[in-house]
Amino acid sequence: MTAALGPDGRRRCGWGNSADIYVAYHDEEWGVPLRGERELYERLTLEAFQSGLSWLTILRKREAFRTAFARFDPKAVAEFDDADVARLMADASIVRNRAKIDAAVNNARAIADLDVPLDELLWSFAPDPAGRPRPRTLADVPAVTPESKAMAKELKRRGFAFVGPTTAYALMQATGMVDDHLADCWRAS
């Protein structure tokens, strides 16, 4: 599938026209370079929660996640204890998955243990954009790449959880480490 014409007359990656919240996410965030510890921790956490679910579900619950996880301040989340985990498990406004909640707390603690800034670590896996042809169809967009495999392996080595190669690649797309907007999408640079 190539980019589809949206109701506003713009051609977007097909998924980017399916709901208003997707249009905004596609147009304003996906594939846009993102930096900052809190911002990258948020995306890492949300990508892990998305695993096995629709991204639309996560986007609709995003503000609730921000509230539940202390605006994604990793220093604050690293201090969460069993009572906080119980609170999160009882919070119907977020995805209540114990393994994912535990991973979010664990990953905040792993960030505290890093010997390099989270930005530097994650962005060190970004491939050279000159070496990547822009995808022409959704079938040309990979789910996993050598870079995402390497990122996942390094994050696991450093104590992170729920960060397999597919989640790592989704994180790379979401934060602009790779730009997989289709060639005929208006966002293609």
Protein backbone atom coordinates (compact mmCIF):
# COMPACT_ATOMS: atom_id res chain seq x y z
CA MET A 1 0.00 0.00 0.00
CA THR A 2 1.28 3.43 -0.88
CA ALA A 3 0.35 6.62 0.93
CA ALA A 4 -3.38 7.30 1.04
CA LEU A 5 -5.13 10.59 0.51
CA GLY A 6 -6.54 11.92 3.76
CA PRO A 7 -9.72 13.97 4.20
CA ASP A 8 -7.56 17.11 4.36
CA GLY A 9 -6.06 16.38 0.92
CA ARG A 10 -2.66 15.26 2.26
CA ARG A 11 -1.16 11.91 1.32
CA ARG A 12 -0.15 9.93 4.42
CA CYS A 13 1.17 6.51 5.26
CA GLY A 14 -2.02 4.42 5.16
CA TRP A 15 -2.27 3.90 8.91
CA GLY A 16 -1.98 7.67 9.46
CA ASN A 17 -5.50 8.35 8.17
CA SER A 18 -7.43 5.77 10.19
CA ALA A 19 -8.39 7.96 13.18
CA ASP A 20 -7.96 11.60 14.16
CA ILE A 21 -5.50 10.68 16.93
CA TYR A 22 -3.45 8.74 14.35
CA VAL A 23 -3.46 11.71 11.97
CA ALA A 24 -2.01 13.95 14.69
CA TYR A 25 0.54 11.33 15.78
CA HIS A 26 1.60 10.64 12.18
CA ASP A 27 1.84 14.30 11.23
CA GLU A 28 3.44 15.69 14.39
CA GLU A 29 5.46 12.94 16.09
CA TRP A 30 6.19 9.70 14.23
CA GLY A 31 9.59 9.87 12.57
CA VAL A 32 10.45 13.24 14.11
CA PRO A 33 13.81 13.20 15.92
CA LEU A 34 13.24 13.16 19.68
CA ARG A 35 15.77 13.76 22.43
CA GLY A 36 15.59 13.97 26.20
CA GLU A 37 15.71 11.39 28.95
CA ARG A 38 12.09 11.80 30.02
CA GLU A 39 10.82 11.89 26.43
CA LEU A 40 12.75 8.79 25.39
CA TYR A 41 11.80 6.93 28.57
CA GLU A 42 8.15 7.71 27.81
CA ARG A 43 8.41 6.32 24.29
CA LEU A 44 10.35 3.26 25.46
CA THR A 45 7.67 2.58 28.06
CA LEU A 46 4.74 3.15 25.72
CA GLU A 47 6.28 0.95 23.01
CA ALA A 48 6.67 -1.84 25.57
CA PHE A 49 3.04 -1.43 26.68
CA GLN A 50 1.93 -1.51 23.04
CA SER A 51 3.43 -4.96 22.49
CA GLY A 52 0.54 -7.23 21.47
CA LEU A 53 -1.96 -4.36 21.44
CA SER A 54 -3.10 -1.66 19.05
CA TRP A 55 -1.03 1.54 19.09
CA LEU A 56 -4.38 3.35 19.00
CA THR A 57 -5.16 1.89 22.44
CA ILE A 58 -1.89 3.29 23.81
CA LEU A 59 -2.39 6.72 22.23
CA ARG A 60 -5.88 6.97 23.71
CA LYS A 61 -4.49 6.15 27.17
CA ARG A 62 -1.34 8.27 26.83
CA GLU A 63 -2.37 11.04 29.24
CA ALA A 64 -3.42 8.45 31.80
CA PHE A 65 -0.03 6.76 31.43
CA ARG A 66 1.68 10.12 31.95
CA THR A 67 -0.26 10.66 35.17
CA ALA A 68 0.26 7.10 36.40
CA PHE A 69 4.00 7.12 35.69
CA ALA A 70 4.92 10.52 37.20
CA ARG A 71 5.03 12.27 33.79
CA PHE A 72 7.67 9.66 32.86
CA ASP A 73 10.29 11.09 35.16
CA PRO A 74 12.60 8.06 35.38
CA LYS A 75 14.03 9.21 38.73
CA ALA A 76 10.54 9.25 40.25
CA VAL A 77 9.49 5.94 38.68
CA ALA A 78 12.71 4.30 39.85
CA GLU A 79 11.46 4.95 43.40
CA PHE A 80 8.14 3.15 42.84
CA ASP A 81 7.56 0.35 45.34
CA ASP A 82 5.09 -2.52 45.73
CA ALA A 83 2.32 -0.09 46.73
CA ASP A 84 2.87 1.89 43.52
CA VAL A 85 2.76 -1.30 41.45
CA ALA A 86 -0.49 -2.28 43.19
CA ARG A 87 -1.87 1.19 42.45
CA LEU A 88 -0.95 0.82 38.78
CA MET A 89 -2.46 -2.67 38.60
CA ALA A 90 -5.75 -1.21 39.90
CA ASP A 91 -5.71 1.75 37.48
CA ALA A 92 -8.24 0.99 34.72
CA SER A 93 -7.15 4.08 32.78
CA ILE A 94 -3.89 2.38 31.73
CA VAL A 95 -3.01 -1.09 30.44
CA ARG A 96 -2.86 -3.27 33.54
CA ASN A 97 -0.20 -5.82 32.67
CA ARG A 98 2.06 -6.77 35.58
CA ALA A 99 5.05 -7.72 33.40
CA LYS A 100 4.88 -4.39 31.54
CA ILE A 101 4.43 -2.36 34.72
CA ASP A 102 7.36 -4.16 36.32
CA ALA A 103 9.42 -3.51 33.17
CA ALA A 104 8.61 0.22 33.28
CA VAL A 105 9.83 0.46 36.88
CA ASN A 106 12.84 -1.75 36.16
CA ASN A 107 13.76 0.34 33.10
CA ALA A 108 13.62 3.56 35.11
CA ARG A 109 16.09 1.98 37.52
CA ALA A 110 18.26 0.83 34.61
CA ILE A 111 18.36 4.42 33.32
CA ALA A 112 19.68 5.53 36.71
CA ASP A 113 22.49 2.98 36.39
CA LEU A 114 23.60 4.09 32.91
CA ASP A 115 27.14 5.37 32.47
CA VAL A 116 26.06 7.41 29.42
CA PRO A 117 22.96 9.57 28.86
CA LEU A 118 19.94 7.62 27.59
CA ASP A 119 19.89 9.85 24.47
CA GLU A 120 23.45 8.95 23.61
CA LEU A 121 22.90 5.24 24.18
CA LEU A 122 19.73 4.95 22.11
CA TRP A 123 20.82 7.25 19.29
CA SER A 124 24.10 5.35 18.92
CA PHE A 125 22.06 2.66 17.13
CA ALA A 126 20.46 4.99 14.58
CA PRO A 127 21.47 3.89 11.09
CA ASP A 128 22.92 6.28 8.54
CA PRO A 129 19.86 7.65 6.74
CA ALA A 130 21.84 7.95 3.51
CA GLY A 131 22.14 4.16 3.41
CA ARG A 132 18.40 3.54 3.66
CA PRO A 133 16.07 3.95 0.71
CA ARG A 134 12.73 5.46 1.62
CA PRO A 135 10.03 2.76 1.69
CA ARG A 136 7.59 2.88 -1.21
CA THR A 137 4.96 0.63 0.37
CA LEU A 138 4.14 -0.60 3.87
CA ALA A 139 5.55 -3.98 2.80
CA ASP A 140 8.95 -2.27 2.48
CA VAL A 141 8.94 -1.24 6.15
CA PRO A 142 10.79 -3.81 8.28
CA ALA A 143 9.71 -4.94 11.74
CA VAL A 144 13.27 -5.68 12.82
CA THR A 145 16.67 -4.50 11.59
CA PRO A 146 20.26 -5.31 12.52
CA GLU A 147 20.34 -2.00 14.41
CA SER A 148 17.20 -2.80 16.40
CA LYS A 149 18.60 -6.24 17.25
CA ALA A 150 21.81 -4.61 18.47
CA MET A 151 19.87 -2.00 20.48
CA ALA A 152 17.70 -4.64 22.14
CA LYS A 153 20.73 -6.76 22.98
CA GLU A 154 22.58 -3.81 24.53
CA LEU A 155 19.55 -2.63 26.49
CA LYS A 156 19.03 -6.13 27.88
CA ARG A 157 22.73 -6.33 28.76
CA ARG A 158 22.27 -3.10 30.72
CA GLY A 159 19.31 -4.49 32.66
CA PHE A 160 16.38 -3.21 30.63
CA ALA A 161 13.31 -5.43 30.20
CA PHE A 162 10.56 -5.80 27.59
CA VAL A 163 12.77 -4.40 24.83
CA GLY A 164 13.02 -6.98 22.08
CA PRO A 165 14.16 -6.13 18.54
CA THR A 166 10.63 -5.37 17.32
CA THR A 167 9.95 -3.00 20.21
CA ALA A 168 13.38 -1.43 19.66
CA TYR A 169 12.59 -0.85 15.99
CA ALA A 170 9.20 0.67 16.81
CA LEU A 171 11.03 2.97 19.24
CA MET A 172 13.48 3.92 16.50
CA GLN A 173 10.58 4.81 14.19
CA ALA A 174 8.65 6.70 16.86
CA THR A 175 11.64 8.83 17.84
CA GLY A 176 13.00 9.61 14.38
CA MET A 177 16.08 7.41 14.60
CA VAL A 178 14.68 6.04 11.37
CA ASP A 179 12.14 7.75 9.14
CA ASP A 180 9.85 5.20 7.56
CA HIS A 181 7.32 7.61 6.07
CA LEU A 182 6.46 6.26 2.64
CA ALA A 183 8.02 7.94 -0.37
CA ASP A 184 4.74 9.55 -1.44
CA CYS A 185 3.69 10.61 2.10
CA TRP A 186 3.67 14.37 2.67
CA ARG A 187 6.01 13.87 5.65
CA ALA A 188 8.72 12.27 3.51
CA SER A 189 11.69 14.58 3.45
